[in-house]
Amino acid sequence: MRTTAPVKKRKLGSYPFVSVVFSISLALFVIGLLGLLILHSQKLTRLIKENVEMQVYLNKDVSNSQKTQIRHSLQQSEFVSKDLNGVPQVSFVSKHQAEENFIAETGEDFASFLGENPLRDVFTIKIDEAHQTEEQMAAIKKRLAILPGVYEVEYVGNLVKSINKNIANISLVLAAFAGLLVFVVIILINNTIKLALFTQRFLIRSMQLVGATNGFIRKPFLLRSIGHGIISGIIASAALFGVSEYGYRRIEDLVLLKDVNQLYLLFAVLLFLGGFLGFFSTLRSVNKYLKLSLDELY
């Protein structure tokens, strides 16, 4: 007596998900790389801006009381940045200390043949990010130049201008690229899920014919799509973590841009994007097949 192999029943909402998870993981990984690039560029921008300095040179005959008054004035100024403990970032280098530093670095004692130390006492202040426009820096320079005991105020104006210009250009390019990439990724994920659900179109129609509601039919597809999206997010996050750690080990200075909290936040965003994009694309595809006529199914 001939026996036939049992036919495996196809379950509503089940479809070959390996290609779907792979495609979504790849798309999320690319988005994650862009996100990591943006985070690093922002951290680099902050590091650069945190080191924008201005030098306040003092008169040679300035008294100690005037130095104290100038220091106090600088520390109370709103344009001086503060460290993590809230302490104004104001440093002082005397002309004697500057002379010793110069001799230690070059090995030459210029005071021996000049007959005097031409250097001046100087306060160095770090400017807060909110006051680093060209106009504000120029105004700060004028404000400090009129303080009693101040000889000259200097800062690298071209550097500030270049920093602001480059930051604006980089932000614009990254924003445009991010928008384009997200658009392409959404289309890729949508088409991948649409093709995966193509094998389920007749099962969807069969469920409609036996009286199943659209909500009942959608539910297993949407639940699975969220799960697949989250799994893809986990895979993409793990791959991104591996790539970033490899980069930190290979490029020594790159570790300065590392921010663990922001990295974990990026992973959370990838998990959310995976679930959301999977849900959204599946919802659109299932709704499309629910509305197709019998002729269009073939």
Protein backbone atom coordinates (compact mmCIF):
# COMPACT_ATOMS: atom_id res chain seq x y z
CA MET A 1 0.00 0.00 0.00
CA ARG A 2 1.49 3.32 -1.08
CA THR A 3 1.82 6.00 1.58
CA THR A 4 2.21 9.66 0.86
CA ALA A 5 4.44 11.97 2.81
CA PRO A 6 2.49 14.28 5.08
CA VAL A 7 2.11 17.76 3.70
CA LYS A 8 3.51 20.37 6.01
CA LYS A 9 0.82 22.86 6.83
CA ARG A 10 1.72 26.45 6.32
CA LYS A 11 1.01 28.55 9.38
CA LEU A 12 -0.48 32.01 9.06
CA GLY A 13 2.24 34.59 9.51
CA SER A 14 5.11 32.18 8.89
CA TYR A 15 7.38 32.82 5.96
CA PRO A 16 11.09 32.38 5.17
CA PHE A 17 12.51 34.93 7.58
CA VAL A 18 16.26 34.38 7.20
CA SER A 19 16.51 36.66 4.18
CA VAL A 20 14.28 39.22 5.89
CA VAL A 21 16.39 39.26 9.08
CA PHE A 22 19.59 39.43 7.03
CA SER A 23 18.35 42.35 4.92
CA ILE A 24 17.04 44.31 7.89
CA SER A 25 20.24 43.61 9.88
CA LEU A 26 22.39 44.84 7.00
CA ALA A 27 20.27 47.96 6.57
CA LEU A 28 20.34 48.71 10.30
CA PHE A 29 24.10 48.12 10.41
CA VAL A 30 24.62 50.73 7.69
CA ILE A 31 22.37 53.16 9.58
CA GLY A 32 24.34 52.37 12.74
CA LEU A 33 27.63 53.16 11.01
CA LEU A 34 26.25 56.51 9.94
CA GLY A 35 24.97 57.11 13.47
CA LEU A 36 28.39 56.26 14.89
CA LEU A 37 30.00 58.67 12.43
CA ILE A 38 27.60 61.42 13.51
CA LEU A 39 28.23 60.74 17.21
CA HIS A 40 32.00 60.81 16.70
CA SER A 41 31.82 64.01 14.66
CA GLN A 42 29.76 65.64 17.42
CA LYS A 43 32.22 64.50 20.08
CA LEU A 44 35.14 65.77 17.99
CA THR A 45 33.35 69.09 17.56
CA ARG A 46 32.88 69.37 21.33
CA LEU A 47 36.54 68.53 21.97
CA ILE A 48 37.67 71.19 19.51
CA LYS A 49 35.32 73.81 20.91
CA GLU A 50 36.31 72.99 24.48
CA ASN A 51 39.88 73.98 23.60
CA VAL A 52 39.19 77.34 21.98
CA GLU A 53 41.37 79.66 24.04
CA MET A 54 42.12 83.34 24.45
CA GLN A 55 45.37 84.74 25.87
CA VAL A 56 45.31 87.85 28.07
CA TYR A 57 48.84 89.34 28.24
CA LEU A 58 49.61 91.69 31.14
CA ASN A 59 51.70 94.82 31.42
CA LYS A 60 55.23 94.26 32.68
CA ASP A 61 54.68 96.56 35.64
CA VAL A 62 51.36 95.03 36.68
CA SER A 63 50.98 94.67 40.43
CA ASN A 64 49.93 91.54 42.30
CA SER A 65 46.67 93.17 43.32
CA GLN A 66 45.86 93.93 39.69
CA LYS A 67 46.62 90.30 38.78
CA THR A 68 44.20 89.19 41.47
CA GLN A 69 41.53 91.58 40.20
CA ILE A 70 42.02 90.40 36.61
CA ARG A 71 41.80 86.74 37.65
CA HIS A 72 38.63 87.42 39.63
CA SER A 73 37.11 89.32 36.70
CA LEU A 74 37.89 86.47 34.30
CA GLN A 75 36.50 83.82 36.64
CA GLN A 76 33.26 85.77 37.00
CA SER A 77 32.82 86.26 33.24
CA GLU A 78 29.95 84.35 31.59
CA PHE A 79 31.98 83.59 28.47
CA VAL A 80 34.58 81.51 30.34
CA SER A 81 33.80 77.80 30.19
CA LYS A 82 33.70 75.67 33.34
CA ASP A 83 35.00 72.17 33.95
CA LEU A 84 32.91 69.24 35.22
CA ASN A 85 33.20 70.57 38.78
CA GLY A 86 31.95 74.02 37.79
CA VAL A 87 35.36 75.67 38.15
CA PRO A 88 36.12 78.43 35.57
CA GLN A 89 38.89 77.32 33.23
CA VAL A 90 41.37 80.15 33.83
CA SER A 91 45.10 79.41 34.00
CA PHE A 92 48.03 81.72 34.73
CA VAL A 93 51.61 81.45 33.49
CA SER A 94 54.13 83.95 34.83
CA LYS A 95 56.88 85.32 32.58
CA HIS A 96 59.48 83.48 34.67
CA GLN A 97 57.64 80.17 34.28
CA ALA A 98 57.26 80.81 30.54
CA GLU A 99 61.02 81.46 30.33
CA GLU A 100 61.80 78.19 32.12
CA ASN A 101 59.40 76.30 29.83
CA PHE A 102 61.04 77.80 26.75
CA ILE A 103 64.55 76.89 27.92
CA ALA A 104 63.44 73.35 28.80
CA GLU A 105 61.92 72.87 25.35
CA THR A 106 64.60 74.52 23.18
CA GLY A 107 67.71 74.43 25.37
CA GLU A 108 68.38 78.11 24.60
CA ASP A 109 68.50 80.86 27.22
CA PHE A 110 67.42 83.95 25.25
CA ALA A 111 67.49 86.15 28.38
CA SER A 112 71.28 85.73 28.66
CA PHE A 113 71.98 87.63 25.43
CA LEU A 114 68.91 89.90 25.43
CA GLY A 115 69.69 91.06 28.91
CA GLU A 116 66.07 90.76 30.03
CA ASN A 117 63.07 88.50 29.83
CA PRO A 118 60.83 89.84 27.01
CA LEU A 119 57.96 87.52 27.90
CA ARG A 120 54.89 88.66 29.79
CA ASP A 121 52.61 87.21 32.42
CA VAL A 122 49.57 85.72 30.71
CA PHE A 123 46.14 84.43 31.64
CA THR A 124 44.74 81.76 29.35
CA ILE A 125 40.98 81.29 29.34
CA LYS A 126 38.84 78.71 27.58
CA ILE A 127 35.80 80.18 25.86
CA ASP A 128 32.37 78.64 26.37
CA GLU A 129 30.77 77.10 23.26
CA ALA A 130 27.86 79.53 23.39
CA HIS A 131 30.24 82.49 22.88
CA GLN A 132 32.40 81.23 20.02
CA THR A 133 30.98 83.09 17.05
CA GLU A 134 33.29 85.55 15.31
CA GLU A 135 31.30 88.55 16.54
CA GLN A 136 31.23 87.34 20.15
CA MET A 137 34.95 86.53 20.18
CA ALA A 138 35.76 90.01 18.85
CA ALA A 139 33.51 91.58 21.49
CA ILE A 140 35.16 89.56 24.27
CA LYS A 141 38.60 90.68 23.05
CA LYS A 142 37.57 94.33 23.21
CA ARG A 143 36.01 93.86 26.63
CA LEU A 144 39.14 92.30 28.09
CA ALA A 145 41.55 94.71 26.41
CA ILE A 146 40.28 97.66 28.47
CA LEU A 147 40.83 95.97 31.85
CA PRO A 148 43.46 97.76 34.00
CA GLY A 149 46.84 96.02 33.72
CA VAL A 150 46.06 94.25 30.41
CA TYR A 151 48.59 94.79 27.64
CA GLU A 152 47.08 92.72 24.82
CA VAL A 153 44.44 90.09 24.15
CA GLU A 154 45.01 87.47 21.45
CA TYR A 155 43.25 84.47 19.96
CA VAL A 156 43.45 82.58 16.67
CA GLY A 157 40.61 84.25 14.80
CA ASN A 158 41.04 82.25 11.59
CA LEU A 159 40.83 79.01 13.56
CA VAL A 160 37.47 79.97 15.12
CA LYS A 161 36.12 81.01 11.72
CA SER A 162 37.35 77.79 10.11
CA ILE A 163 35.88 75.64 12.90
CA ASN A 164 32.43 77.21 12.62
CA LYS A 165 32.43 77.00 8.83
CA ASN A 166 33.56 73.37 8.70
CA ILE A 167 31.11 72.29 11.40
CA ALA A 168 28.23 73.86 9.47
CA ASN A 169 29.30 72.17 6.20
CA ILE A 170 29.83 68.76 7.81
CA SER A 171 26.47 68.92 9.60
CA LEU A 172 24.70 69.76 6.35
CA VAL A 173 26.37 66.90 4.45
CA LEU A 174 25.69 64.36 7.21
CA ALA A 175 22.05 65.43 7.50
CA ALA A 176 21.51 65.08 3.73
CA PHE A 177 23.27 61.72 3.61
CA ALA A 178 21.34 60.46 6.64
CA GLY A 179 18.01 61.43 5.06
CA LEU A 180 18.89 59.72 1.79
CA LEU A 181 20.15 56.60 3.54
CA VAL A 182 17.04 56.25 5.71
CA PHE A 183 14.85 56.61 2.61
CA VAL A 184 16.79 53.89 0.76
CA VAL A 185 16.73 51.60 3.81
CA ILE A 186 12.96 51.95 4.20
CA ILE A 187 12.45 51.00 0.54
CA LEU A 188 14.84 48.05 0.87
CA ILE A 189 13.14 46.67 3.98
CA ASN A 190 9.69 47.27 2.53
CA ASN A 191 10.50 45.39 -0.70
CA THR A 192 12.17 42.53 1.19
CA ILE A 193 9.15 41.97 3.42
CA LYS A 194 6.76 42.37 0.50
CA LEU A 195 8.56 39.58 -1.38
CA ALA A 196 8.60 37.39 1.73
CA LEU A 197 4.85 37.79 2.19
CA PHE A 198 4.21 37.02 -1.47
CA THR A 199 4.21 33.30 -0.60
CA GLN A 200 1.43 33.91 1.92
CA ARG A 201 -1.01 35.69 -0.39
CA PHE A 202 -3.18 32.63 -1.06
CA LEU A 203 -3.26 31.73 2.63
CA ILE A 204 -4.42 35.27 3.38
CA ARG A 205 -7.20 34.93 0.81
CA SER A 206 -8.21 31.54 2.27
CA MET A 207 -8.52 33.08 5.72
CA GLN A 208 -10.69 35.82 4.28
CA LEU A 209 -12.95 33.25 2.63
CA VAL A 210 -13.56 31.39 5.90
CA GLY A 211 -14.62 34.62 7.57
CA ALA A 212 -11.47 35.75 9.39
CA THR A 213 -11.35 39.47 10.08
CA ASN A 214 -8.56 41.62 8.71
CA GLY A 215 -7.31 42.29 12.25
CA PHE A 216 -7.12 38.54 12.98
CA ILE A 217 -5.11 37.99 9.78
CA ARG A 218 -2.76 40.90 10.39
CA LYS A 219 -1.92 40.01 14.00
CA PRO A 220 0.47 37.05 13.50
CA PHE A 221 2.27 38.84 10.68
CA LEU A 222 2.76 42.00 12.71
CA LEU A 223 3.92 40.16 15.85
CA ARG A 224 6.46 38.16 13.87
CA SER A 225 7.67 41.25 12.02
CA ILE A 226 8.33 43.07 15.29
CA GLY A 227 10.27 40.06 16.59
CA HIS A 228 12.28 39.80 13.38
CA GLY A 229 13.01 43.54 13.49
CA ILE A 230 14.25 43.36 17.09
CA ILE A 231 16.42 40.34 16.28
CA SER A 232 17.84 42.27 13.33
CA GLY A 233 18.52 45.22 15.62
CA ILE A 234 20.40 42.98 18.04
CA ILE A 235 22.49 41.50 15.22
CA ALA A 236 23.25 44.96 13.78
CA SER A 237 24.15 46.31 17.23
CA ALA A 238 26.48 43.38 17.92
CA ALA A 239 28.21 43.85 14.56
CA LEU A 240 28.49 47.60 15.13
CA PHE A 241 29.95 47.05 18.60
CA GLY A 242 32.55 44.68 17.18
CA VAL A 243 33.53 47.11 14.43
CA SER A 244 33.76 50.05 16.83
CA GLU A 245 35.87 48.14 19.36
CA TYR A 246 38.19 47.01 16.57
CA GLY A 247 38.54 50.61 15.43
CA TYR A 248 39.29 51.83 18.96
CA ARG A 249 42.08 49.24 19.28
CA ARG A 250 43.60 49.93 15.87
CA ILE A 251 43.43 53.75 16.02
CA GLU A 252 44.75 54.96 19.36
CA ASP A 253 43.37 58.52 19.28
CA LEU A 254 39.92 57.32 18.20
CA VAL A 255 39.20 56.18 21.75
CA LEU A 256 39.02 59.87 22.72
CA LEU A 257 35.77 60.05 20.77
CA LYS A 258 34.26 57.03 22.51
CA ASP A 259 31.09 57.69 24.50
CA VAL A 260 29.65 54.51 26.01
CA ASN A 261 26.30 56.07 26.96
CA GLN A 262 25.70 57.41 23.47
CA LEU A 263 26.77 54.09 21.98
CA TYR A 264 24.19 52.22 24.07
CA LEU A 265 21.59 54.82 23.09
CA LEU A 266 22.44 54.16 19.43
CA PHE A 267 21.92 50.41 19.99
CA ALA A 268 18.52 51.13 21.56
CA VAL A 269 17.59 53.25 18.54
CA LEU A 270 18.57 50.39 16.21
CA LEU A 271 16.35 47.97 18.16
CA PHE A 272 13.44 50.39 17.98
CA LEU A 273 14.03 51.07 14.26
CA GLY A 274 14.17 47.34 13.54
CA GLY A 275 10.86 46.68 15.25
CA PHE A 276 9.19 49.79 13.85
CA LEU A 277 10.33 49.35 10.25
CA GLY A 278 9.44 45.66 10.32
CA PHE A 279 5.98 46.47 11.70
CA PHE A 280 5.37 49.35 9.28
CA SER A 281 6.52 47.48 6.16
CA THR A 282 4.59 44.32 7.10
CA LEU A 283 1.43 46.33 7.77
CA ARG A 284 1.63 47.94 4.33
CA SER A 285 2.29 44.62 2.59
CA VAL A 286 -0.45 42.71 4.41
CA ASN A 287 -2.96 45.47 3.73
CA LYS A 288 -2.03 45.33 0.07
CA TYR A 289 -2.67 41.58 -0.16
CA LEU A 290 -5.91 41.92 1.80
CA LYS A 291 -7.23 44.30 -0.86
CA LEU A 292 -6.14 42.32 -3.94
CA SER A 293 -8.76 40.67 -6.07
CA LEU A 294 -8.55 36.98 -6.97
CA ASP A 295 -7.26 37.78 -10.46
CA GLU A 296 -4.57 40.07 -9.06
CA LEU A 297 -3.35 37.31 -6.71
CA TYR A 298 -2.31 35.27 -9.74
